[in-house]
Amino acid sequence: METLKRLPLDTDSFLVHFDLPRLRSGAILDDWMQATGTLTEAEVQRLDKLYQKALRSGDGWNEEELKMKFISLILDLVDIEDSDKIVSFYERPMSAVLKGVKIAVICDCLLASAAGIATPRTPYFFLQEFKKQKGDSNDPEAQMLAAMLVAQDRNADGKPVYGAWLVGSIWNFTVLSGAEYFVSPKLDASDRHDLNRIVFILRQLKELILNR
């Protein structure tokens, strides 16, 4: 039996193998990035407290601490989950054979509908986070894109798959729609204005998913 080639987890390998343009603008991305909203006084206080904690201690957090002390609390403030329609899952493996190569990745965080109580059914959004250290060569964008491609193939519904990858405080939002891959401008969670935008973008994501 022929052994399948395994595609390395670097962004250029995926862009070339799947013939994906890496687009910086397009209606499907631009409309999402223009999300606005308001925060209640209680939400402002929660976000201020989280923001100050990240400024004070965030540089010392490892990847798991970044996830538990910041990302999960942002998702909770956004109120991203919705019954069994949108459920967050962490550290879940995904794999598939696509265009003659095997793809396998561990998803740091994904949003999906749920089957039963603990199984992702239809994945909508992937978040891959990475706390960069000197000399690191990890490519969180590639890991996120790998998961998005697997989800697109698994869902087989022609609907976009959403994503974000983080390096430290920097967020990059993405959309995979058909054979087009869109990447947003960077947002810095250590900037208070950008942090508000991240919250509104995630709230808009919830609406996009529920209205699919």
Protein backbone atom coordinates (compact mmCIF):
# COMPACT_ATOMS: atom_id res chain seq x y z
CA MET A 1 0.00 0.00 0.00
CA GLU A 2 1.36 3.42 -0.98
CA THR A 3 2.10 5.71 1.95
CA LEU A 4 0.30 9.02 1.69
CA LYS A 5 2.41 12.16 1.66
CA ARG A 6 1.85 14.31 4.72
CA LEU A 7 1.73 18.03 4.04
CA PRO A 8 4.01 20.03 6.37
CA LEU A 9 2.27 22.51 8.63
CA ASP A 10 3.49 25.70 7.04
CA THR A 11 1.27 28.27 5.37
CA ASP A 12 3.02 28.40 1.99
CA SER A 13 2.72 24.61 1.57
CA PHE A 14 -1.06 24.85 1.97
CA LEU A 15 -1.44 27.91 -0.25
CA VAL A 16 0.54 26.26 -3.05
CA HIS A 17 -0.86 22.74 -2.77
CA PHE A 18 -4.49 23.91 -2.64
CA ASP A 19 -3.96 26.80 -5.07
CA LEU A 20 -5.39 29.30 -2.57
CA PRO A 21 -5.00 33.04 -3.07
CA ARG A 22 -4.29 34.81 0.24
CA LEU A 23 -6.59 37.81 -0.13
CA ARG A 24 -6.48 40.84 2.16
CA SER A 25 -9.90 42.21 1.25
CA GLY A 26 -13.26 40.99 0.01
CA ALA A 27 -16.90 41.57 0.88
CA ILE A 28 -17.24 38.43 2.99
CA LEU A 29 -14.30 39.48 5.18
CA ASP A 30 -14.77 43.25 5.08
CA ASP A 31 -18.40 43.08 6.18
CA TRP A 32 -17.42 40.89 9.15
CA MET A 33 -14.52 43.14 10.17
CA GLN A 34 -16.79 46.20 10.19
CA ALA A 35 -18.84 44.75 13.05
CA THR A 36 -19.80 47.30 15.67
CA GLY A 37 -21.76 47.17 18.89
CA THR A 38 -22.11 48.47 22.41
CA LEU A 39 -21.04 47.17 25.78
CA THR A 40 -23.06 47.37 28.97
CA GLU A 41 -21.46 49.01 31.98
CA ALA A 42 -20.94 45.56 33.52
CA GLU A 43 -19.29 44.31 30.32
CA VAL A 44 -17.00 47.35 30.19
CA GLN A 45 -15.92 46.63 33.75
CA ARG A 46 -15.26 42.96 32.97
CA LEU A 47 -13.30 43.84 29.86
CA ASP A 48 -11.29 46.54 31.65
CA LYS A 49 -10.33 44.08 34.37
CA LEU A 50 -9.32 41.45 31.81
CA TYR A 51 -7.39 44.04 29.80
CA GLN A 52 -5.45 45.25 32.84
CA LYS A 53 -4.62 41.69 33.87
CA ALA A 54 -3.32 40.91 30.38
CA LEU A 55 -1.18 44.08 30.36
CA ARG A 56 0.22 43.25 33.79
CA SER A 57 0.91 39.54 33.38
CA GLY A 58 0.20 38.53 29.77
CA ASP A 59 3.82 38.60 28.64
CA GLY A 60 4.59 35.81 31.10
CA TRP A 61 1.72 33.50 30.12
CA ASN A 62 2.42 30.31 28.22
CA GLU A 63 -0.01 29.08 25.55
CA GLU A 64 -2.30 27.25 27.97
CA GLU A 65 -2.37 30.20 30.36
CA LEU A 66 -3.14 32.57 27.48
CA LYS A 67 -6.03 30.31 26.52
CA MET A 68 -7.47 29.90 30.02
CA LYS A 69 -6.79 33.37 31.44
CA PHE A 70 -7.68 35.45 28.39
CA ILE A 71 -9.18 33.73 25.34
CA SER A 72 -11.76 31.63 27.20
CA LEU A 73 -12.84 34.69 29.21
CA ILE A 74 -13.23 36.76 26.04
CA LEU A 75 -15.44 34.02 24.56
CA ASP A 76 -17.46 33.94 27.77
CA LEU A 77 -17.95 37.73 27.70
CA VAL A 78 -19.07 37.48 24.07
CA ASP A 79 -21.51 34.73 25.13
CA ILE A 80 -20.45 32.81 22.04
CA GLU A 81 -22.16 29.51 22.86
CA ASP A 82 -25.79 28.81 21.98
CA SER A 83 -27.34 25.57 23.24
CA ASP A 84 -26.09 22.74 21.02
CA LYS A 85 -25.88 25.00 17.94
CA ILE A 86 -22.58 26.63 18.93
CA VAL A 87 -20.34 24.86 21.42
CA SER A 88 -16.65 25.49 22.12
CA PHE A 89 -14.21 22.59 22.06
CA TYR A 90 -10.53 22.57 22.96
CA GLU A 91 -7.56 20.40 21.91
CA ARG A 92 -9.50 18.32 19.40
CA PRO A 93 -7.75 16.38 16.61
CA MET A 94 -8.91 16.71 13.00
CA SER A 95 -7.59 14.90 9.95
CA ALA A 96 -8.48 14.13 6.36
CA VAL A 97 -6.98 13.13 3.04
CA LEU A 98 -7.35 16.04 0.62
CA LYS A 99 -5.93 16.31 -2.89
CA GLY A 100 -3.71 13.29 -2.32
CA VAL A 101 -2.12 14.40 0.95
CA LYS A 102 -2.86 13.64 4.58
CA ILE A 103 -3.62 16.59 6.87
CA ALA A 104 -3.64 16.17 10.64
CA VAL A 105 -3.85 18.91 13.24
CA ILE A 106 -4.77 19.48 16.87
CA CYS A 107 -7.25 22.37 17.12
CA ASP A 108 -6.53 24.70 20.05
CA CYS A 109 -10.14 25.92 20.04
CA LEU A 110 -13.05 25.37 17.68
CA LEU A 111 -16.71 26.30 17.56
CA ALA A 112 -19.08 23.69 16.20
CA SER A 113 -22.56 22.29 16.57
CA ALA A 114 -22.56 19.39 18.99
CA ALA A 115 -23.41 15.74 18.56
CA GLY A 116 -24.36 14.32 21.93
CA ILE A 117 -22.52 16.04 24.76
CA ALA A 118 -18.88 15.95 23.70
CA THR A 119 -18.48 15.55 19.93
CA PRO A 120 -18.11 18.37 17.39
CA ARG A 121 -20.56 17.87 14.52
CA THR A 122 -20.34 20.80 12.07
CA PRO A 123 -17.25 22.99 12.64
CA TYR A 124 -17.66 26.71 11.93
CA PHE A 125 -14.69 28.52 13.44
CA PHE A 126 -11.12 27.67 14.45
CA LEU A 127 -8.83 29.63 16.74
CA GLN A 128 -5.16 28.71 16.91
CA GLU A 129 -3.07 30.55 19.46
CA PHE A 130 0.65 30.71 19.92
CA LYS A 131 2.86 32.48 22.45
CA LYS A 132 5.98 33.19 20.40
CA GLN A 133 9.34 32.51 22.00
CA LYS A 134 12.80 33.26 20.64
CA GLY A 135 13.77 30.72 18.00
CA ASP A 136 10.26 29.26 17.64
CA SER A 137 9.25 28.18 14.14
CA ASN A 138 5.64 27.18 14.83
CA ASP A 139 3.17 28.37 12.21
CA PRO A 140 -0.24 28.91 13.86
CA GLU A 141 -1.75 30.22 10.61
CA ALA A 142 -0.93 26.93 8.88
CA GLN A 143 -2.44 24.90 11.72
CA MET A 144 -5.62 27.00 11.61
CA LEU A 145 -5.82 26.79 7.79
CA ALA A 146 -5.33 23.02 7.91
CA ALA A 147 -8.30 22.68 10.26
CA MET A 148 -10.40 25.00 8.09
CA LEU A 149 -9.70 22.90 4.98
CA VAL A 150 -10.62 19.69 6.78
CA ALA A 151 -13.82 21.31 8.06
CA GLN A 152 -14.74 22.63 4.60
CA ASP A 153 -14.38 19.12 3.18
CA ARG A 154 -16.25 17.50 6.08
CA ASN A 155 -19.13 19.99 6.07
CA ALA A 156 -19.54 19.80 2.27
CA ASP A 157 -22.22 22.50 2.39
CA GLY A 158 -20.61 25.28 0.35
CA LYS A 159 -20.70 27.64 3.34
CA PRO A 160 -17.71 29.62 4.59
CA VAL A 161 -15.49 28.46 7.42
CA TYR A 162 -14.13 31.12 9.77
CA GLY A 163 -10.88 31.30 11.68
CA ALA A 164 -8.40 33.32 13.70
CA TRP A 165 -4.81 32.84 14.67
CA LEU A 166 -3.06 34.61 17.50
CA VAL A 167 0.59 35.34 18.15
CA GLY A 168 0.77 36.82 21.62
CA SER A 169 -1.72 39.71 21.69
CA ILE A 170 -2.05 39.96 17.89
CA TRP A 171 -5.28 38.58 16.35
CA ASN A 172 -5.73 37.82 12.65
CA PHE A 173 -9.22 36.84 11.47
CA THR A 174 -9.77 34.72 8.35
CA VAL A 175 -12.45 33.30 6.09
CA LEU A 176 -12.21 30.28 3.79
CA SER A 177 -14.95 30.56 1.17
CA GLY A 178 -14.81 28.06 -1.68
CA ALA A 179 -11.34 28.37 -3.21
CA GLU A 180 -10.67 31.81 -1.71
CA TYR A 181 -8.87 32.50 1.56
CA PHE A 182 -9.19 35.93 3.20
CA VAL A 183 -6.97 37.39 5.94
CA SER A 184 -7.86 40.50 7.97
CA PRO A 185 -5.56 43.30 9.09
CA LYS A 186 -3.98 42.66 12.49
CA LEU A 187 -5.78 43.60 15.69
CA ASP A 188 -3.84 44.05 18.93
CA ALA A 189 -5.63 42.96 22.10
CA SER A 190 -3.19 45.08 24.11
CA ASP A 191 -4.82 48.13 22.49
CA ARG A 192 -8.10 48.91 24.26
CA HIS A 193 -9.88 50.06 21.06
CA ASP A 194 -8.80 46.93 19.18
CA LEU A 195 -9.94 44.76 22.07
CA ASN A 196 -13.44 46.23 21.76
CA ARG A 197 -13.36 45.47 18.03
CA ILE A 198 -12.35 41.86 18.71
CA VAL A 199 -15.39 41.48 20.99
CA PHE A 200 -17.74 42.93 18.36
CA ILE A 201 -16.24 40.76 15.60
CA LEU A 202 -16.76 37.64 17.71
CA ARG A 203 -20.34 38.66 18.46
CA GLN A 204 -20.92 39.12 14.75
CA LEU A 205 -19.43 35.67 14.19
CA LYS A 206 -22.14 34.22 16.43
CA GLU A 207 -24.81 35.88 14.28
CA LEU A 208 -23.16 34.66 11.07
CA ILE A 209 -23.17 31.11 12.38
CA LEU A 210 -26.75 31.17 13.64
CA ASN A 211 -27.97 32.62 10.34
CA ARG A 212 -26.22 30.09 8.11
